[in-house]
PDB file of N, CA and C in Angstrom:
ATOM      1  N   MET A   1       0.834  -1.160   0.000  1.00  0.00           N
ATOM      2  CA  MET A   1       0.000   0.000   0.000  1.00  0.00           C
ATOM      3  C   MET A   1       0.894   1.244   0.000  1.00  0.00           C
ATOM      4  N   ALA A   2       0.537   2.222  -0.841  1.00  0.00           N
ATOM      5  CA  ALA A   2       1.348   3.442  -0.984  1.00  0.00           C
ATOM      6  C   ALA A   2       1.110   4.361   0.207  1.00  0.00           C
ATOM      7  N   LYS A   3       2.209   5.048   0.599  1.00  0.00           N
ATOM      8  CA  LYS A   3       2.108   6.004   1.695  1.00  0.00           C
ATOM      9  C   LYS A   3       1.403   7.266   1.226  1.00  0.00           C
ATOM     10  N   LYS A   4       0.561   7.802   2.080  1.00  0.00           N
ATOM     11  CA  LYS A   4      -0.121   9.048   1.751  1.00  0.00           C
ATOM     12  C   LYS A   4       0.592  10.186   2.461  1.00  0.00           C
ATOM     13  N   TYR A   5       0.885  11.214   1.709  1.00  0.00           N
ATOM     14  CA  TYR A   5       1.518  12.412   2.246  1.00  0.00           C
ATOM     15  C   TYR A   5       0.485  13.537   2.284  1.00  0.00           C
ATOM     16  N   PRO A   6       0.584  14.407   3.290  1.00  0.00           N
ATOM     17  CA  PRO A   6      -0.374  15.523   3.324  1.00  0.00           C
ATOM     18  C   PRO A   6      -0.137  16.464   2.133  1.00  0.00           C
ATOM     19  N   ALA A   7      -1.201  17.026   1.658  1.00  0.00           N
ATOM     20  CA  ALA A   7      -1.103  17.961   0.515  1.00  0.00           C
ATOM     21  C   ALA A   7      -0.278  19.182   0.921  1.00  0.00           C
ATOM     22  N   ALA A   8       0.561  19.631   0.008  1.00  0.00           N
ATOM     23  CA  ALA A   8       1.397  20.810   0.284  1.00  0.00           C
ATOM     24  C   ALA A   8       0.507  22.045   0.375  1.00  0.00           C
ATOM     25  N   LYS A   9       0.780  22.866   1.369  1.00  0.00           N
ATOM     26  CA  LYS A   9       0.014  24.099   1.514  1.00  0.00           C
ATOM     27  C   LYS A   9       0.545  25.141   0.538  1.00  0.00           C
ATOM     28  N   ARG A  10      -0.346  25.763  -0.137  1.00  0.00           N
ATOM     29  CA  ARG A  10       0.033  26.826  -1.073  1.00  0.00           C
ATOM     30  C   ARG A  10      -0.043  28.159  -0.346  1.00  0.00           C
ATOM     31  N   ARG A  11       0.983  28.919  -0.516  1.00  0.00           N
ATOM     32  CA  ARG A  11       0.998  30.254   0.073  1.00  0.00           C
ATOM     33  C   ARG A  11       0.293  31.227  -0.860  1.00  0.00           C
ATOM     34  N   ARG A  12      -0.543  32.008  -0.267  1.00  0.00           N
ATOM     35  CA  ARG A  12      -1.192  33.051  -1.070  1.00  0.00           C
ATOM     36  C   ARG A  12      -0.262  34.245  -1.123  1.00  0.00           C
ATOM     37  N   THR A  13      -0.063  34.757  -2.299  1.00  0.00           N
ATOM     38  CA  THR A  13       0.783  35.945  -2.427  1.00  0.00           C
ATOM     39  C   THR A  13      -0.098  37.178  -2.281  1.00  0.00           C
ATOM     40  N   GLN A  14       0.419  38.125  -1.589  1.00  0.00           N
ATOM     41  CA  GLN A  14      -0.287  39.385  -1.402  1.00  0.00           C
ATOM     42  C   GLN A  14      -0.133  40.227  -2.662  1.00  0.00           C
ATOM     43  N   PRO A  15      -1.211  40.903  -3.069  1.00  0.00           N
ATOM     44  CA  PRO A  15      -1.053  41.790  -4.220  1.00  0.00           C
ATOM     45  C   PRO A  15      -0.072  42.905  -3.871  1.00  0.00           C
ATOM     46  N   LYS A  16       0.702  43.277  -4.859  1.00  0.00           N
ATOM     47  CA  LYS A  16       1.674  44.341  -4.625  1.00  0.00           C
ATOM     48  C   LYS A  16       0.942  45.664  -4.464  1.00  0.00           C
ATOM     49  N   VAL A  17       1.255  46.327  -3.381  1.00  0.00           N
ATOM     50  CA  VAL A  17       0.659  47.630  -3.125  1.00  0.00           C
ATOM     51  C   VAL A  17       1.568  48.674  -3.748  1.00  0.00           C
ATOM     52  N   ARG A  18       0.971  49.523  -4.534  1.00  0.00           N
ATOM     53  CA  ARG A  18       1.742  50.566  -5.197  1.00  0.00           C
ATOM     54  C   ARG A  18       2.093  51.636  -4.171  1.00  0.00           C
ATOM     55  N   LYS A  19       3.376  51.836  -3.978  1.00  0.00           N
ATOM     56  CA  LYS A  19       3.820  52.864  -3.047  1.00  0.00           C
ATOM     57  C   LYS A  19       3.721  54.206  -3.749  1.00  0.00           C
ATOM     58  N   CYS A  20       2.991  55.094  -3.121  1.00  0.00           N
ATOM     59  CA  CYS A  20       2.746  56.395  -3.730  1.00  0.00           C
ATOM     60  C   CYS A  20       3.640  57.437  -3.085  1.00  0.00           C
ATOM     61  N   GLU A  21       4.577  57.934  -3.822  1.00  0.00           N
ATOM     62  CA  GLU A  21       5.488  58.971  -3.345  1.00  0.00           C
ATOM     63  C   GLU A  21       4.885  60.344  -3.652  1.00  0.00           C
ATOM     64  N   PRO A  22       5.141  61.323  -2.797  1.00  0.00           N
ATOM     65  CA  PRO A  22       4.667  62.675  -3.097  1.00  0.00           C
ATOM     66  C   PRO A  22       5.254  63.168  -4.423  1.00  0.00           C
ATOM     67  N   LEU A  23       4.438  63.857  -5.177  1.00  0.00           N
ATOM     68  CA  LEU A  23       4.837  64.460  -6.455  1.00  0.00           C
ATOM     69  C   LEU A  23       5.367  63.446  -7.470  1.00  0.00           C
ATOM     70  N   SER A  24       4.851  62.206  -7.432  1.00  0.00           N
ATOM     71  CA  SER A  24       5.346  61.173  -8.343  1.00  0.00           C
ATOM     72  C   SER A  24       4.564  61.095  -9.655  1.00  0.00           C
ATOM     73  N   GLN A  25       3.401  61.724  -9.736  1.00  0.00           N
ATOM     74  CA  GLN A  25       2.660  61.787 -10.997  1.00  0.00           C
ATOM     75  C   GLN A  25       3.047  63.106 -11.678  1.00  0.00           C
ATOM     76  N   ILE A  26       3.444  63.006 -12.930  1.00  0.00           N
ATOM     77  CA  ILE A  26       3.905  64.195 -13.647  1.00  0.00           C
ATOM     78  C   ILE A  26       3.127  64.321 -14.964  1.00  0.00           C
ATOM     79  N   LEU A  27       2.492  65.463 -15.147  1.00  0.00           N
ATOM     80  CA  LEU A  27       1.798  65.777 -16.400  1.00  0.00           C
ATOM     81  C   LEU A  27       2.541  66.928 -17.074  1.00  0.00           C
ATOM     82  N   VAL A  28       2.634  66.878 -18.396  1.00  0.00           N
ATOM     83  CA  VAL A  28       3.349  67.924 -19.137  1.00  0.00           C
ATOM     84  C   VAL A  28       2.498  68.349 -20.331  1.00  0.00           C
ATOM     85  N   ARG A  29       2.488  69.645 -20.590  1.00  0.00           N
ATOM     86  CA  ARG A  29       1.776  70.153 -21.764  1.00  0.00           C
ATOM     87  C   ARG A  29       2.585  71.282 -22.389  1.00  0.00           C
ATOM     88  N   ALA A  30       2.728  71.235 -23.693  1.00  0.00           N
ATOM     89  CA  ALA A  30       3.411  72.306 -24.430  1.00  0.00           C
ATOM     90  C   ALA A  30       2.387  73.379 -24.784  1.00  0.00           C
ATOM     91  N   PHE A  31       2.839  74.614 -24.912  1.00  0.00           N
ATOM     92  CA  PHE A  31       1.944  75.683 -25.337  1.00  0.00           C
ATOM     93  C   PHE A  31       2.664  76.597 -26.315  1.00  0.00           C
ATOM     94  N   ALA A  32       1.894  77.128 -27.251  1.00  0.00           N
ATOM     95  CA  ALA A  32       2.407  78.088 -28.232  1.00  0.00           C
ATOM     96  C   ALA A  32       1.193  78.798 -28.826  1.00  0.00           C
ATOM     97  N   PRO A  33       0.674  79.824 -28.100  1.00  0.00           N
ATOM     98  CA  PRO A  33      -0.508  80.516 -28.613  1.00  0.00           C
ATOM     99  C   PRO A  33      -0.219  81.173 -29.962  1.00  0.00           C
ATOM    100  N   GLY A  34      -1.224  81.206 -30.790  1.00  0.00           N
ATOM    101  CA  GLY A  34      -1.070  81.833 -32.106  1.00  0.00           C
ATOM    102  C   GLY A  34      -1.159  83.339 -31.992  1.00  0.00           C
ATOM    103  N   THR A  35      -2.275  83.915 -32.464  1.00  0.00           N
ATOM    104  CA  THR A  35      -2.433  85.363 -32.437  1.00  0.00           C
ATOM    105  C   THR A  35      -3.271  85.840 -31.253  1.00  0.00           C
ATOM    106  N   GLN A  36      -3.892  84.919 -30.524  1.00  0.00           N
ATOM    107  CA  GLN A  36      -4.716  85.263 -29.369  1.00  0.00           C
ATOM    108  C   GLN A  36      -4.110  84.663 -28.096  1.00  0.00           C
ATOM    109  N   PRO A  37      -4.316  85.293 -26.941  1.00  0.00           N
ATOM    110  CA  PRO A  37      -3.831  84.705 -25.688  1.00  0.00           C
ATOM    111  C   PRO A  37      -4.445  83.326 -25.455  1.00  0.00           C
ATOM    112  N   SER A  38      -3.707  82.480 -24.797  1.00  0.00           N
ATOM    113  CA  SER A  38      -4.146  81.118 -24.504  1.00  0.00           C
ATOM    114  C   SER A  38      -4.287  80.959 -22.988  1.00  0.00           C
ATOM    115  N   THR A  39      -5.385  80.341 -22.539  1.00  0.00           N
ATOM    116  CA  THR A  39      -5.615  80.106 -21.113  1.00  0.00           C
ATOM    117  C   THR A  39      -5.374  78.633 -20.810  1.00  0.00           C
ATOM    118  N   VAL A  40      -4.567  78.372 -19.790  1.00  0.00           N
ATOM    119  CA  VAL A  40      -4.256  77.004 -19.374  1.00  0.00           C
ATOM    120  C   VAL A  40      -4.635  76.861 -17.907  1.00  0.00           C
ATOM    121  N   LEU A  41      -5.463  75.858 -17.593  1.00  0.00           N
ATOM    122  CA  LEU A  41      -5.932  75.607 -16.237  1.00  0.00           C
ATOM    123  C   LEU A  41      -5.283  74.335 -15.705  1.00  0.00           C
ATOM    124  N   CYS A  42      -4.653  74.430 -14.534  1.00  0.00           N
ATOM    125  CA  CYS A  42      -4.010  73.286 -13.881  1.00  0.00           C
ATOM    126  C   CYS A  42      -4.734  73.003 -12.575  1.00  0.00           C
ATOM    127  N   LYS A  43      -5.116  71.729 -12.341  1.00  0.00           N
ATOM    128  CA  LYS A  43      -5.797  71.399 -11.097  1.00  0.00           C
ATOM    129  C   LYS A  43      -5.522  69.963 -10.687  1.00  0.00           C
ATOM    130  N   SER A  44      -5.714  69.715  -9.381  1.00  0.00           N
ATOM    131  CA  SER A  44      -5.471  68.394  -8.820  1.00  0.00           C
ATOM    132  C   SER A  44      -6.302  68.253  -7.549  1.00  0.00           C
ATOM    133  N   ASP A  45      -6.691  67.013  -7.213  1.00  0.00           N
ATOM    134  CA  ASP A  45      -7.433  66.808  -5.970  1.00  0.00           C
ATOM    135  C   ASP A  45      -6.500  66.480  -4.800  1.00  0.00           C
ATOM    136  N   ALA A  46      -5.187  66.664  -4.991  1.00  0.00           N
ATOM    137  CA  ALA A  46      -4.178  66.519  -3.929  1.00  0.00           C
ATOM    138  C   ALA A  46      -3.204  67.688  -4.062  1.00  0.00           C
ATOM    139  N   ASP A  47      -2.336  67.873  -3.074  1.00  0.00           N
ATOM    140  CA  ASP A  47      -1.318  68.926  -3.155  1.00  0.00           C
ATOM    141  C   ASP A  47      -0.544  68.803  -4.463  1.00  0.00           C
ATOM    142  N   PHE A  48      -0.166  69.937  -5.062  1.00  0.00           N
ATOM    143  CA  PHE A  48       0.550  69.876  -6.342  1.00  0.00           C
ATOM    144  C   PHE A  48       1.452  71.075  -6.539  1.00  0.00           C
ATOM    145  N   LEU A  49       2.397  70.925  -7.469  1.00  0.00           N
ATOM    146  CA  LEU A  49       3.286  72.005  -7.903  1.00  0.00           C
ATOM    147  C   LEU A  49       3.132  72.164  -9.409  1.00  0.00           C
ATOM    148  N   VAL A  50       3.223  73.404  -9.871  1.00  0.00           N
ATOM    149  CA  VAL A  50       3.171  73.683 -11.303  1.00  0.00           C
ATOM    150  C   VAL A  50       4.425  74.472 -11.677  1.00  0.00           C
ATOM    151  N   TYR A  51       5.100  74.018 -12.722  1.00  0.00           N
ATOM    152  CA  TYR A  51       6.295  74.689 -13.248  1.00  0.00           C
ATOM    153  C   TYR A  51       5.968  75.198 -14.645  1.00  0.00           C
ATOM    154  N   LEU A  52       6.243  76.455 -14.891  1.00  0.00           N
ATOM    155  CA  LEU A  52       6.078  77.019 -16.224  1.00  0.00           C
ATOM    156  C   LEU A  52       7.467  77.395 -16.711  1.00  0.00           C
ATOM    157  N   SER A  53       7.838  76.903 -17.878  1.00  0.00           N
ATOM    158  CA  SER A  53       9.148  77.198 -18.459  1.00  0.00           C
ATOM    159  C   SER A  53       8.919  77.764 -19.859  1.00  0.00           C
ATOM    160  N   THR A  54       9.458  78.964 -20.112  1.00  0.00           N
ATOM    161  CA  THR A  54       9.185  79.633 -21.380  1.00  0.00           C
ATOM    162  C   THR A  54      10.424  79.723 -22.261  1.00  0.00           C
ATOM    163  N   ASN A  55      10.221  80.286 -23.458  1.00  0.00           N
ATOM    164  CA  ASN A  55      11.287  80.409 -24.457  1.00  0.00           C
ATOM    165  C   ASN A  55      12.163  81.640 -24.265  1.00  0.00           C
ATOM    166  N   PHE A  56      11.879  82.478 -23.286  1.00  0.00           N
ATOM    167  CA  PHE A  56      12.642  83.721 -23.138  1.00  0.00           C
ATOM    168  C   PHE A  56      13.863  83.497 -22.258  1.00  0.00           C
ATOM    169  N   SER A  57      15.022  83.884 -22.724  1.00  0.00           N
ATOM    170  CA  SER A  57      16.245  83.679 -21.937  1.00  0.00           C
ATOM    171  C   SER A  57      17.142  84.915 -21.900  1.00  0.00           C
ATOM    172  N   GLY A  58      16.675  86.012 -22.409  1.00  0.00           N
ATOM    173  CA  GLY A  58      17.506  87.222 -22.437  1.00  0.00           C
ATOM    174  C   GLY A  58      17.245  88.116 -21.234  1.00  0.00           C
ATOM    175  N   THR A  59      17.687  89.335 -21.346  1.00  0.00           N
ATOM    176  CA  THR A  59      17.411  90.311 -20.294  1.00  0.00           C
ATOM    177  C   THR A  59      16.442  91.346 -20.847  1.00  0.00           C
ATOM    178  N   GLY A  60      15.425  91.629 -20.089  1.00  0.00           N
ATOM    179  CA  GLY A  60      14.421  92.601 -20.526  1.00  0.00           C
ATOM    180  C   GLY A  60      13.523  92.030 -21.602  1.00  0.00           C
ATOM    181  N   ALA A  61      12.370  91.551 -21.208  1.00  0.00           N
ATOM    182  CA  ALA A  61      11.424  90.964 -22.164  1.00  0.00           C
ATOM    183  C   ALA A  61      10.906  92.033 -23.120  1.00  0.00           C
ATOM    184  N   PRO A  62      10.614  91.660 -24.365  1.00  0.00           N
ATOM    185  CA  PRO A  62      10.067  92.622 -25.320  1.00  0.00           C
ATOM    186  C   PRO A  62       8.689  93.109 -24.862  1.00  0.00           C
ATOM    187  N   PRO A  63       8.260  94.286 -25.278  1.00  0.00           N
ATOM    188  CA  PRO A  63       6.939  94.796 -24.893  1.00  0.00           C
ATOM    189  C   PRO A  63       5.830  93.832 -25.328  1.00  0.00           C
ATOM    190  N   GLY A  64       4.843  93.654 -24.458  1.00  0.00           N
ATOM    191  CA  GLY A  64       3.721  92.784 -24.784  1.00  0.00           C
ATOM    192  C   GLY A  64       4.015  91.309 -24.644  1.00  0.00           C
ATOM    193  N   TRP A  65       5.170  90.972 -24.103  1.00  0.00           N
ATOM    194  CA  TRP A  65       5.556  89.561 -23.954  1.00  0.00           C
ATOM    195  C   TRP A  65       5.339  89.151 -22.500  1.00  0.00           C
ATOM    196  N   GLY A  66       4.798  87.971 -22.266  1.00  0.00           N
ATOM    197  CA  GLY A  66       4.665  87.484 -20.899  1.00  0.00           C
ATOM    198  C   GLY A  66       3.422  86.658 -20.689  1.00  0.00           C
ATOM    199  N   TYR A  67       3.013  86.561 -19.434  1.00  0.00           N
ATOM    200  CA  TYR A  67       1.863  85.749 -19.061  1.00  0.00           C
ATOM    201  C   TYR A  67       1.369  86.216 -17.695  1.00  0.00           C
ATOM    202  N   SER A  68       0.146  85.837 -17.363  1.00  0.00           N
ATOM    203  CA  SER A  68      -0.375  86.130 -16.032  1.00  0.00           C
ATOM    204  C   SER A  68      -0.718  84.815 -15.346  1.00  0.00           C
ATOM    205  N   VAL A  69      -0.709  84.856 -14.011  1.00  0.00           N
ATOM    206  CA  VAL A  69      -0.950  83.667 -13.197  1.00  0.00           C
ATOM    207  C   VAL A  69      -2.004  84.021 -12.161  1.00  0.00           C
ATOM    208  N   ALA A  70      -2.962  83.126 -11.932  1.00  0.00           N
ATOM    209  CA  ALA A  70      -3.970  83.318 -10.890  1.00  0.00           C
ATOM    210  C   ALA A  70      -4.119  82.013 -10.110  1.00  0.00           C
ATOM    211  N   VAL A  71      -4.182  82.114  -8.768  1.00  0.00           N
ATOM    212  CA  VAL A  71      -4.367  80.950  -7.900  1.00  0.00           C
ATOM    213  C   VAL A  71      -5.727  81.106  -7.229  1.00  0.00           C
ATOM    214  N   LYS A  72      -6.631  80.146  -7.463  1.00  0.00           N
ATOM    215  CA  LYS A  72      -8.013  80.242  -7.004  1.00  0.00           C
ATOM    216  C   LYS A  72      -8.124  80.349  -5.479  1.00  0.00           C
ATOM    217  N   SER A  73      -7.401  79.511  -4.740  1.00  0.00           N
ATOM    218  CA  SER A  73      -7.574  79.447  -3.283  1.00  0.00           C
ATOM    219  C   SER A  73      -7.166  80.732  -2.575  1.00  0.00           C
ATOM    220  N   THR A  74      -6.191  81.434  -3.105  1.00  0.00           N
ATOM    221  CA  THR A  74      -5.709  82.651  -2.444  1.00  0.00           C
ATOM    222  C   THR A  74      -6.272  83.914  -3.077  1.00  0.00           C
ATOM    223  N   GLY A  75      -6.799  83.790  -4.280  1.00  0.00           N
ATOM    224  CA  GLY A  75      -7.269  84.964  -5.002  1.00  0.00           C
ATOM    225  C   GLY A  75      -6.127  85.785  -5.562  1.00  0.00           C
ATOM    226  N   ALA A  76      -4.916  85.292  -5.397  1.00  0.00           N
ATOM    227  CA  ALA A  76      -3.736  86.016  -5.874  1.00  0.00           C
ATOM    228  C   ALA A  76      -3.590  85.882  -7.376  1.00  0.00           C
ATOM    229  N   GLY A  77      -3.086  86.919  -7.977  1.00  0.00           N
ATOM    230  CA  GLY A  77      -2.833  86.894  -9.406  1.00  0.00           C
ATOM    231  C   GLY A  77      -1.854  87.986  -9.766  1.00  0.00           C
ATOM    232  N   GLY A  78      -1.247  87.856 -10.911  1.00  0.00           N
ATOM    233  CA  GLY A  78      -0.299  88.858 -11.347  1.00  0.00           C
ATOM    234  C   GLY A  78       0.320  88.483 -12.660  1.00  0.00           C
ATOM    235  N   GLY A  79       1.017  89.422 -13.230  1.00  0.00           N
ATOM    236  CA  GLY A  79       1.689  89.186 -14.499  1.00  0.00           C
ATOM    237  C   GLY A  79       3.160  88.929 -14.285  1.00  0.00           C
ATOM    238  N   SER A  80       3.783  88.316 -15.280  1.00  0.00           N
ATOM    239  CA  SER A  80       5.207  88.022 -15.186  1.00  0.00           C
ATOM    240  C   SER A  80       5.816  87.937 -16.572  1.00  0.00           C
ATOM    241  N   ALA A  81       7.097  88.239 -16.625  1.00  0.00           N
ATOM    242  CA  ALA A  81       7.874  88.046 -17.852  1.00  0.00           C
ATOM    243  C   ALA A  81       9.054  87.135 -17.532  1.00  0.00           C
ATOM    244  N   SER A  82       9.017  86.492 -16.383  1.00  0.00           N
ATOM    245  CA  SER A  82      10.093  85.597 -15.968  1.00  0.00           C
ATOM    246  C   SER A  82      10.118  84.355 -16.855  1.00  0.00           C
ATOM    247  N   PRO A  83      11.306  83.842 -17.193  1.00  0.00           N
ATOM    248  CA  PRO A  83      11.371  82.639 -18.030  1.00  0.00           C
ATOM    249  C   PRO A  83      10.897  81.379 -17.306  1.00  0.00           C
ATOM    250  N   VAL A  84      10.891  81.378 -15.968  1.00  0.00           N
ATOM    251  CA  VAL A  84      10.449  80.212 -15.199  1.00  0.00           C
ATOM    252  C   VAL A  84       9.552  80.697 -14.075  1.00  0.00           C
ATOM    253  N   TYR A  85       8.450  79.983 -13.849  1.00  0.00           N
ATOM    254  CA  TYR A  85       7.529  80.337 -12.771  1.00  0.00           C
ATOM    255  C   TYR A  85       7.112  79.044 -12.080  1.00  0.00           C
ATOM    256  N   ILE A  86       7.176  79.023 -10.740  1.00  0.00           N
ATOM    257  CA  ILE A  86       6.800  77.839  -9.972  1.00  0.00           C
ATOM    258  C   ILE A  86       5.768  78.267  -8.944  1.00  0.00           C
ATOM    259  N   VAL A  87       4.672  77.517  -8.862  1.00  0.00           N
ATOM    260  CA  VAL A  87       3.611  77.824  -7.906  1.00  0.00           C
ATOM    261  C   VAL A  87       3.022  76.513  -7.394  1.00  0.00           C
ATOM    262  N   GLY A  88       2.592  76.504  -6.145  1.00  0.00           N
ATOM    263  CA  GLY A  88       1.990  75.312  -5.558  1.00  0.00           C
ATOM    264  C   GLY A  88       0.535  75.551  -5.235  1.00  0.00           C
ATOM    265  N   GLY A  89      -0.188  74.445  -5.104  1.00  0.00           N
ATOM    266  CA  GLY A  89      -1.598  74.516  -4.748  1.00  0.00           C
ATOM    267  C   GLY A  89      -1.961  73.372  -3.829  1.00  0.00           C
ATOM    268  N   GLY A  90      -2.997  73.569  -3.063  1.00  0.00           N
ATOM    269  CA  GLY A  90      -3.498  72.525  -2.172  1.00  0.00           C
ATOM    270  C   GLY A  90      -4.546  71.679  -2.875  1.00  0.00           C
ATOM    271  N   PRO A  91      -5.120  70.717  -2.154  1.00  0.00           N
ATOM    272  CA  PRO A  91      -6.149  69.860  -2.760  1.00  0.00           C
ATOM    273  C   PRO A  91      -7.306  70.689  -3.343  1.00  0.00           C
ATOM    274  N   ASN A  92      -7.736  70.324  -4.534  1.00  0.00           N
ATOM    275  CA  ASN A  92      -8.859  70.955  -5.248  1.00  0.00           C
ATOM    276  C   ASN A  92      -8.637  72.433  -5.564  1.00  0.00           C
ATOM    277  N   ASP A  93      -7.394  72.855  -5.597  1.00  0.00           N
ATOM    278  CA  ASP A  93      -7.070  74.220  -5.976  1.00  0.00           C
ATOM    279  C   ASP A  93      -6.925  74.290  -7.498  1.00  0.00           C
ATOM    280  N   GLU A  94      -6.898  75.492  -8.031  1.00  0.00           N
ATOM    281  CA  GLU A  94      -6.714  75.692  -9.468  1.00  0.00           C
ATOM    282  C   GLU A  94      -5.700  76.798  -9.702  1.00  0.00           C
ATOM    283  N   VAL A  95      -4.809  76.575 -10.655  1.00  0.00           N
ATOM    284  CA  VAL A  95      -3.837  77.584 -11.068  1.00  0.00           C
ATOM    285  C   VAL A  95      -4.089  77.850 -12.549  1.00  0.00           C
ATOM    286  N   THR A  96      -4.322  79.111 -12.888  1.00  0.00           N
ATOM    287  CA  THR A  96      -4.637  79.479 -14.269  1.00  0.00           C
ATOM    288  C   THR A  96      -3.540  80.382 -14.823  1.00  0.00           C
ATOM    289  N   PHE A  97      -3.051  80.036 -16.004  1.00  0.00           N
ATOM    290  CA  PHE A  97      -2.073  80.856 -16.719  1.00  0.00           C
ATOM    291  C   PHE A  97      -2.765  81.425 -17.959  1.00  0.00           C
ATOM    292  N   VAL A  98      -2.584  82.707 -18.208  1.00  0.00           N
ATOM    293  CA  VAL A  98      -3.008  83.313 -19.470  1.00  0.00           C
ATOM    294  C   VAL A  98      -1.716  83.692 -20.181  1.00  0.00           C
ATOM    295  N   ILE A  99      -1.454  83.003 -21.286  1.00  0.00           N
ATOM    296  CA  ILE A  99      -0.175  83.124 -21.980  1.00  0.00           C
ATOM    297  C   ILE A  99      -0.370  83.953 -23.250  1.00  0.00           C
ATOM    298  N   LEU A 100       0.455  84.985 -23.391  1.00  0.00           N
ATOM    299  CA  LEU A 100       0.330  85.890 -24.534  1.00  0.00           C
ATOM    300  C   LEU A 100       1.009  85.327 -25.780  1.00  0.00           C
ATOM    301  N   PRO A 101       0.563  85.757 -26.964  1.00  0.00           N
ATOM    302  CA  PRO A 101       1.193  85.313 -28.203  1.00  0.00           C
ATOM    303  C   PRO A 101       2.693  85.612 -28.192  1.00  0.00           C
ATOM    304  N   GLY A 102       3.477  84.718 -28.751  1.00  0.00           N
ATOM    305  CA  GLY A 102       4.927  84.860 -28.803  1.00  0.00           C
ATOM    306  C   GLY A 102       5.637  84.087 -27.704  1.00  0.00           C
ATOM    307  N   VAL A 103       4.889  83.719 -26.660  1.00  0.00           N
ATOM    308  CA  VAL A 103       5.469  82.947 -25.567  1.00  0.00           C
ATOM    309  C   VAL A 103       5.225  81.468 -25.851  1.00  0.00           C
ATOM    310  N   THR A 104       6.271  80.683 -25.839  1.00  0.00           N
ATOM    311  CA  THR A 104       6.132  79.235 -26.014  1.00  0.00           C
ATOM    312  C   THR A 104       6.866  78.542 -24.875  1.00  0.00           C
ATOM    313  N   GLY A 105       6.534  77.290 -24.649  1.00  0.00           N
ATOM    314  CA  GLY A 105       7.209  76.545 -23.600  1.00  0.00           C
ATOM    315  C   GLY A 105       6.404  75.366 -23.111  1.00  0.00           C
ATOM    316  N   PHE A 106       6.634  75.001 -21.844  1.00  0.00           N
ATOM    317  CA  PHE A 106       6.006  73.827 -21.248  1.00  0.00           C
ATOM    318  C   PHE A 106       5.448  74.155 -19.874  1.00  0.00           C
ATOM    319  N   ILE A 107       4.351  73.489 -19.538  1.00  0.00           N
ATOM    320  CA  ILE A 107       3.818  73.509 -18.179  1.00  0.00           C
ATOM    321  C   ILE A 107       3.899  72.088 -17.655  1.00  0.00           C
ATOM    322  N   THR A 108       4.458  71.940 -16.461  1.00  0.00           N
ATOM    323  CA  THR A 108       4.582  70.635 -15.816  1.00  0.00           C
ATOM    324  C   THR A 108       3.829  70.685 -14.495  1.00  0.00           C
ATOM    325  N   LEU A 109       2.965  69.697 -14.265  1.00  0.00           N
ATOM    326  CA  LEU A 109       2.234  69.591 -13.011  1.00  0.00           C
ATOM    327  C   LEU A 109       2.681  68.321 -12.313  1.00  0.00           C
ATOM    328  N   GLN A 110       3.061  68.432 -11.046  1.00  0.00           N
ATOM    329  CA  GLN A 110       3.482  67.270 -10.260  1.00  0.00           C
ATOM    330  C   GLN A 110       2.549  67.125  -9.073  1.00  0.00           C
ATOM    331  N   THR A 111       2.075  65.889  -8.829  1.00  0.00           N
ATOM    332  CA  THR A 111       1.179  65.610  -7.719  1.00  0.00           C
ATOM    333  C   THR A 111       1.336  64.147  -7.304  1.00  0.00           C
ATOM    334  N   GLN A 112       0.516  63.690  -6.356  1.00  0.00           N
ATOM    335  CA  GLN A 112       0.585  62.303  -5.895  1.00  0.00           C
ATOM    336  C   GLN A 112       0.100  61.352  -6.982  1.00  0.00           C
ATOM    337  N   CYS A 113       0.609  60.118  -6.948  1.00  0.00           N
ATOM    338  CA  CYS A 113       0.285  59.160  -8.007  1.00  0.00           C
ATOM    339  C   CYS A 113      -1.200  58.788  -8.024  1.00  0.00           C
ATOM    340  N   THR A 114      -1.880  58.884  -6.900  1.00  0.00           N
ATOM    341  CA  THR A 114      -3.304  58.511  -6.849  1.00  0.00           C
ATOM    342  C   THR A 114      -4.230  59.692  -7.115  1.00  0.00           C
ATOM    343  N   ALA A 115      -3.687  60.866  -7.317  1.00  0.00           N
ATOM    344  CA  ALA A 115      -4.510  62.076  -7.495  1.00  0.00           C
ATOM    345  C   ALA A 115      -5.107  62.138  -8.894  1.00  0.00           C
ATOM    346  N   LYS A 116      -6.254  62.785  -8.962  1.00  0.00           N
ATOM    347  CA  LYS A 116      -6.856  63.083 -10.247  1.00  0.00           C
ATOM    348  C   LYS A 116      -6.419  64.498 -10.618  1.00  0.00           C
ATOM    349  N   ALA A 117      -5.611  64.622 -11.647  1.00  0.00           N
ATOM    350  CA  ALA A 117      -5.024  65.909 -12.018  1.00  0.00           C
ATOM    351  C   ALA A 117      -5.187  66.161 -13.508  1.00  0.00           C
ATOM    352  N   SER A 118      -5.124  67.445 -13.875  1.00  0.00           N
ATOM    353  CA  SER A 118      -5.234  67.768 -15.294  1.00  0.00           C
ATOM    354  C   SER A 118      -4.593  69.110 -15.610  1.00  0.00           C
ATOM    355  N   ILE A 119      -4.195  69.229 -16.867  1.00  0.00           N
ATOM    356  CA  ILE A 119      -3.757  70.501 -17.460  1.00  0.00           C
ATOM    357  C   ILE A 119      -4.674  70.705 -18.657  1.00  0.00           C
ATOM    358  N   GLU A 120      -5.519  71.707 -18.593  1.00  0.00           N
ATOM    359  CA  GLU A 120      -6.520  71.915 -19.659  1.00  0.00           C
ATOM    360  C   GLU A 120      -6.274  73.218 -20.386  1.00  0.00           C
TER     361      GLU A 120
END
């Protein structure tokens, strides 16, 4: 008579949990308005940072060149001719850029990997 051995126990593997690091989701959008100003809205349901990088690298921007920035939660807004602009927002905040013709570049939004974010 053959010996009976107990059935081997199978180990259940745990599903891998995605570790979410702060600012690990990155969205990027290029902009180059034609003859009319272009409005870009950045938002996220978690804390976020927005980087604006433009094509201007000289000293003294030409007349009529630049962009404006508005942050919904603070009501703050203003114009700039700086080649780089960085602004942060809290959950469900909105950052709006109005970019004038002649300005080209990129907007980068960084937030948590589980956040719902957009650049529109």
